[in-house]
């Protein structure tokens, strides 16, 4: 699959890191990429169910482009949200809808996580995608 440029660059960056701990450090660094969803906007409708941490995401569509806002009480989860932000935020909705979680597999990031964190990422991805599919 052909990825948007910023995501393709991120996949390449992760693929160049052989060490699992270095990959995790990079995930932590990506927490700064998140468009912050303020805590007072965290609701049951923004909650990512099945995530080990308290994690929330809101998807808005502005001029046919996806805007992703998120927040978590864990820096690691916030970093995973940063990956998703790079992948989806600012993309035309039709491009964003074509993404699959395969990019995270190609990065090698999912196998660097515990099974529960990996599952949390997939739940986060699924929540964003289900919201995008509802937007018609």
C-alpha atoms as a PDB file:
ATOM      1  CA  UNK A   1       0.000   0.000   0.000  1.00  0.00           C
ATOM      2  CA  UNK A   2       1.112   3.542  -0.709  1.00  0.00           C
ATOM      3  CA  UNK A   3       1.004   5.671   2.432  1.00  0.00           C
ATOM      4  CA  UNK A   4       0.722   9.437   2.789  1.00  0.00           C
ATOM      5  CA  UNK A   5       4.207  10.975   2.825  1.00  0.00           C
ATOM      6  CA  UNK A   6       4.503  11.676   6.558  1.00  0.00           C
ATOM      7  CA  UNK A   7       3.331   8.167   7.408  1.00  0.00           C
ATOM      8  CA  UNK A   8       5.686   6.585   4.845  1.00  0.00           C
ATOM      9  CA  UNK A   9       8.582   8.495   6.420  1.00  0.00           C
ATOM     10  CA  UNK A  10       7.525   7.333   9.890  1.00  0.00           C
ATOM     11  CA  UNK A  11       7.349   3.702   8.734  1.00  0.00           C
ATOM     12  CA  UNK A  12      10.878   4.061   7.300  1.00  0.00           C
ATOM     13  CA  UNK A  13      12.119   5.627  10.542  1.00  0.00           C
ATOM     14  CA  UNK A  14      10.773   2.753  12.627  1.00  0.00           C
ATOM     15  CA  UNK A  15      12.086   0.127  10.215  1.00  0.00           C
ATOM     16  CA  UNK A  16      15.582   1.558  10.621  1.00  0.00           C
ATOM     17  CA  UNK A  17      15.479   0.962  14.394  1.00  0.00           C
ATOM     18  CA  UNK A  18      16.523  -2.576  15.304  1.00  0.00           C
ATOM     19  CA  UNK A  19      16.392  -2.306  19.079  1.00  0.00           C
ATOM     20  CA  UNK A  20      12.990  -2.815  20.746  1.00  0.00           C
ATOM     21  CA  UNK A  21      13.762  -0.332  23.534  1.00  0.00           C
ATOM     22  CA  UNK A  22      14.822   2.343  21.037  1.00  0.00           C
ATOM     23  CA  UNK A  23      11.524   1.808  19.210  1.00  0.00           C
ATOM     24  CA  UNK A  24       9.631   2.324  22.465  1.00  0.00           C
ATOM     25  CA  UNK A  25      11.632   5.478  23.204  1.00  0.00           C
ATOM     26  CA  UNK A  26      10.662   6.785  19.769  1.00  0.00           C
ATOM     27  CA  UNK A  27       6.995   6.036  20.544  1.00  0.00           C
ATOM     28  CA  UNK A  28       7.343   8.109  23.738  1.00  0.00           C
ATOM     29  CA  UNK A  29       8.830  10.957  21.691  1.00  0.00           C
ATOM     30  CA  UNK A  30       5.829  10.903  19.352  1.00  0.00           C
ATOM     31  CA  UNK A  31       3.487  11.847  22.202  1.00  0.00           C
ATOM     32  CA  UNK A  32       4.224  15.464  21.246  1.00  0.00           C
ATOM     33  CA  UNK A  33       2.561  14.949  17.842  1.00  0.00           C
ATOM     34  CA  UNK A  34      -0.907  14.664  19.382  1.00  0.00           C
ATOM     35  CA  UNK A  35      -3.526  17.375  18.964  1.00  0.00           C
ATOM     36  CA  UNK A  36      -4.523  17.527  22.612  1.00  0.00           C
ATOM     37  CA  UNK A  37      -8.080  16.662  23.587  1.00  0.00           C
ATOM     38  CA  UNK A  38      -8.529  18.546  26.889  1.00  0.00           C
ATOM     39  CA  UNK A  39      -9.417  16.394  29.902  1.00  0.00           C
ATOM     40  CA  UNK A  40     -12.694  18.245  30.369  1.00  0.00           C
ATOM     41  CA  UNK A  41     -13.753  16.921  26.933  1.00  0.00           C
ATOM     42  CA  UNK A  42     -13.092  13.290  27.868  1.00  0.00           C
ATOM     43  CA  UNK A  43     -16.463  11.536  27.837  1.00  0.00           C
ATOM     44  CA  UNK A  44     -17.745   8.023  27.435  1.00  0.00           C
ATOM     45  CA  UNK A  45     -18.212   8.709  23.717  1.00  0.00           C
ATOM     46  CA  UNK A  46     -14.523   9.644  23.320  1.00  0.00           C
ATOM     47  CA  UNK A  47     -13.222   6.784  25.485  1.00  0.00           C
ATOM     48  CA  UNK A  48     -11.230   4.009  23.821  1.00  0.00           C
ATOM     49  CA  UNK A  49     -12.744   0.886  25.294  1.00  0.00           C
ATOM     50  CA  UNK A  50     -10.370  -2.014  25.785  1.00  0.00           C
ATOM     51  CA  UNK A  51      -7.389   0.258  26.345  1.00  0.00           C
ATOM     52  CA  UNK A  52      -5.375  -0.460  29.481  1.00  0.00           C
ATOM     53  CA  UNK A  53      -5.019   3.286  30.154  1.00  0.00           C
ATOM     54  CA  UNK A  54      -7.526   6.092  30.261  1.00  0.00           C
ATOM     55  CA  UNK A  55      -7.490   7.085  26.593  1.00  0.00           C
ATOM     56  CA  UNK A  56      -9.790   9.281  24.525  1.00  0.00           C
ATOM     57  CA  UNK A  57     -10.062  10.259  20.888  1.00  0.00           C
ATOM     58  CA  UNK A  58     -12.311  12.587  18.922  1.00  0.00           C
ATOM     59  CA  UNK A  59     -12.469  12.750  15.142  1.00  0.00           C
ATOM     60  CA  UNK A  60     -13.700  15.887  13.387  1.00  0.00           C
ATOM     61  CA  UNK A  61     -14.068  16.488   9.672  1.00  0.00           C
ATOM     62  CA  UNK A  62     -13.106  19.978   8.531  1.00  0.00           C
ATOM     63  CA  UNK A  63     -13.343  20.810   4.823  1.00  0.00           C
ATOM     64  CA  UNK A  64     -13.294  17.083   3.943  1.00  0.00           C
ATOM     65  CA  UNK A  65     -10.063  16.605   5.945  1.00  0.00           C
ATOM     66  CA  UNK A  66      -9.715  14.545   9.103  1.00  0.00           C
ATOM     67  CA  UNK A  67      -8.797  16.246  12.367  1.00  0.00           C
ATOM     68  CA  UNK A  68      -7.801  13.922  15.183  1.00  0.00           C
ATOM     69  CA  UNK A  69      -7.782  15.028  18.819  1.00  0.00           C
ATOM     70  CA  UNK A  70      -6.705  12.682  21.579  1.00  0.00           C
ATOM     71  CA  UNK A  71      -5.369  12.314  25.076  1.00  0.00           C
ATOM     72  CA  UNK A  72      -4.290   9.635  27.530  1.00  0.00           C
ATOM     73  CA  UNK A  73      -3.012   9.277  31.063  1.00  0.00           C
ATOM     74  CA  UNK A  74      -0.032   7.259  29.804  1.00  0.00           C
ATOM     75  CA  UNK A  75       2.822   8.722  27.793  1.00  0.00           C
ATOM     76  CA  UNK A  76       3.221   5.440  25.897  1.00  0.00           C
ATOM     77  CA  UNK A  77      -0.440   5.487  24.854  1.00  0.00           C
ATOM     78  CA  UNK A  78      -0.091   9.173  23.992  1.00  0.00           C
ATOM     79  CA  UNK A  79       2.856   8.201  21.772  1.00  0.00           C
ATOM     80  CA  UNK A  80       0.735   5.589  20.016  1.00  0.00           C
ATOM     81  CA  UNK A  81      -1.833   8.319  19.506  1.00  0.00           C
ATOM     82  CA  UNK A  82       0.965  10.411  18.016  1.00  0.00           C
ATOM     83  CA  UNK A  83       1.567   7.674  15.442  1.00  0.00           C
ATOM     84  CA  UNK A  84      -2.122   7.665  14.578  1.00  0.00           C
ATOM     85  CA  UNK A  85      -2.106  11.475  14.394  1.00  0.00           C
ATOM     86  CA  UNK A  86       0.755  11.417  11.892  1.00  0.00           C
ATOM     87  CA  UNK A  87      -1.047   8.734   9.884  1.00  0.00           C
ATOM     88  CA  UNK A  88      -4.481  10.353   9.752  1.00  0.00           C
ATOM     89  CA  UNK A  89      -4.632  13.984  10.905  1.00  0.00           C
ATOM     90  CA  UNK A  90      -4.990  16.442   8.037  1.00  0.00           C
ATOM     91  CA  UNK A  91      -5.608  13.712   5.461  1.00  0.00           C
ATOM     92  CA  UNK A  92      -8.582  13.875   3.117  1.00  0.00           C
ATOM     93  CA  UNK A  93     -11.285  11.621   4.542  1.00  0.00           C
ATOM     94  CA  UNK A  94     -11.173   9.337   1.474  1.00  0.00           C
ATOM     95  CA  UNK A  95      -7.417   8.743   1.939  1.00  0.00           C
ATOM     96  CA  UNK A  96      -7.751   8.201   5.688  1.00  0.00           C
ATOM     97  CA  UNK A  97     -10.471   5.606   5.144  1.00  0.00           C
ATOM     98  CA  UNK A  98      -8.112   3.452   3.063  1.00  0.00           C
ATOM     99  CA  UNK A  99      -5.605   2.958   5.884  1.00  0.00           C
ATOM    100  CA  UNK A 100      -5.370  -0.340   7.703  1.00  0.00           C
ATOM    101  CA  UNK A 101      -3.420  -1.096  10.888  1.00  0.00           C
ATOM    102  CA  UNK A 102      -0.895  -2.872   8.646  1.00  0.00           C
ATOM    103  CA  UNK A 103       1.308   0.238   8.730  1.00  0.00           C
ATOM    104  CA  UNK A 104       1.886  -0.347  12.466  1.00  0.00           C
ATOM    105  CA  UNK A 105       2.866  -3.948  11.732  1.00  0.00           C
ATOM    106  CA  UNK A 106       5.308  -2.768   9.038  1.00  0.00           C
ATOM    107  CA  UNK A 107       6.811  -0.337  11.541  1.00  0.00           C
ATOM    108  CA  UNK A 108       7.477  -3.178  13.943  1.00  0.00           C
ATOM    109  CA  UNK A 109       5.862  -1.131  16.681  1.00  0.00           C
ATOM    110  CA  UNK A 110       3.115  -3.602  17.573  1.00  0.00           C
ATOM    111  CA  UNK A 111       5.528  -6.435  18.303  1.00  0.00           C
ATOM    112  CA  UNK A 112       7.492  -4.047  20.544  1.00  0.00           C
ATOM    113  CA  UNK A 113       4.429  -3.656  22.783  1.00  0.00           C
ATOM    114  CA  UNK A 114       2.773  -5.895  25.318  1.00  0.00           C
ATOM    115  CA  UNK A 115      -0.269  -7.712  23.909  1.00  0.00           C
ATOM    116  CA  UNK A 116      -2.628  -5.453  25.871  1.00  0.00           C
ATOM    117  CA  UNK A 117      -0.952  -2.270  24.546  1.00  0.00           C
ATOM    118  CA  UNK A 118      -0.985  -3.669  21.002  1.00  0.00           C
ATOM    119  CA  UNK A 119      -4.681  -4.450  21.403  1.00  0.00           C
ATOM    120  CA  UNK A 120      -5.253  -0.926  22.741  1.00  0.00           C
ATOM    121  CA  UNK A 121      -3.656   0.537  19.607  1.00  0.00           C
ATOM    122  CA  UNK A 122      -5.937  -1.573  17.426  1.00  0.00           C
ATOM    123  CA  UNK A 123      -8.970  -0.464  19.462  1.00  0.00           C
ATOM    124  CA  UNK A 124      -7.882   3.150  19.010  1.00  0.00           C
ATOM    125  CA  UNK A 125      -7.454   2.636  15.269  1.00  0.00           C
ATOM    126  CA  UNK A 126     -10.822   0.878  15.014  1.00  0.00           C
ATOM    127  CA  UNK A 127     -12.594   3.686  16.888  1.00  0.00           C
ATOM    128  CA  UNK A 128     -11.151   6.302  14.526  1.00  0.00           C
ATOM    129  CA  UNK A 129     -12.036   4.235  11.458  1.00  0.00           C
ATOM    130  CA  UNK A 130     -15.586   3.519  12.598  1.00  0.00           C
ATOM    131  CA  UNK A 131     -16.086   7.263  13.100  1.00  0.00           C
ATOM    132  CA  UNK A 132     -14.730   7.958   9.601  1.00  0.00           C
ATOM    133  CA  UNK A 133     -17.038   5.366   8.076  1.00  0.00           C
ATOM    134  CA  UNK A 134     -20.037   7.003   9.783  1.00  0.00           C
ATOM    135  CA  UNK A 135     -19.204  10.309   8.094  1.00  0.00           C
ATOM    136  CA  UNK A 136     -21.091  10.194   4.800  1.00  0.00           C
END
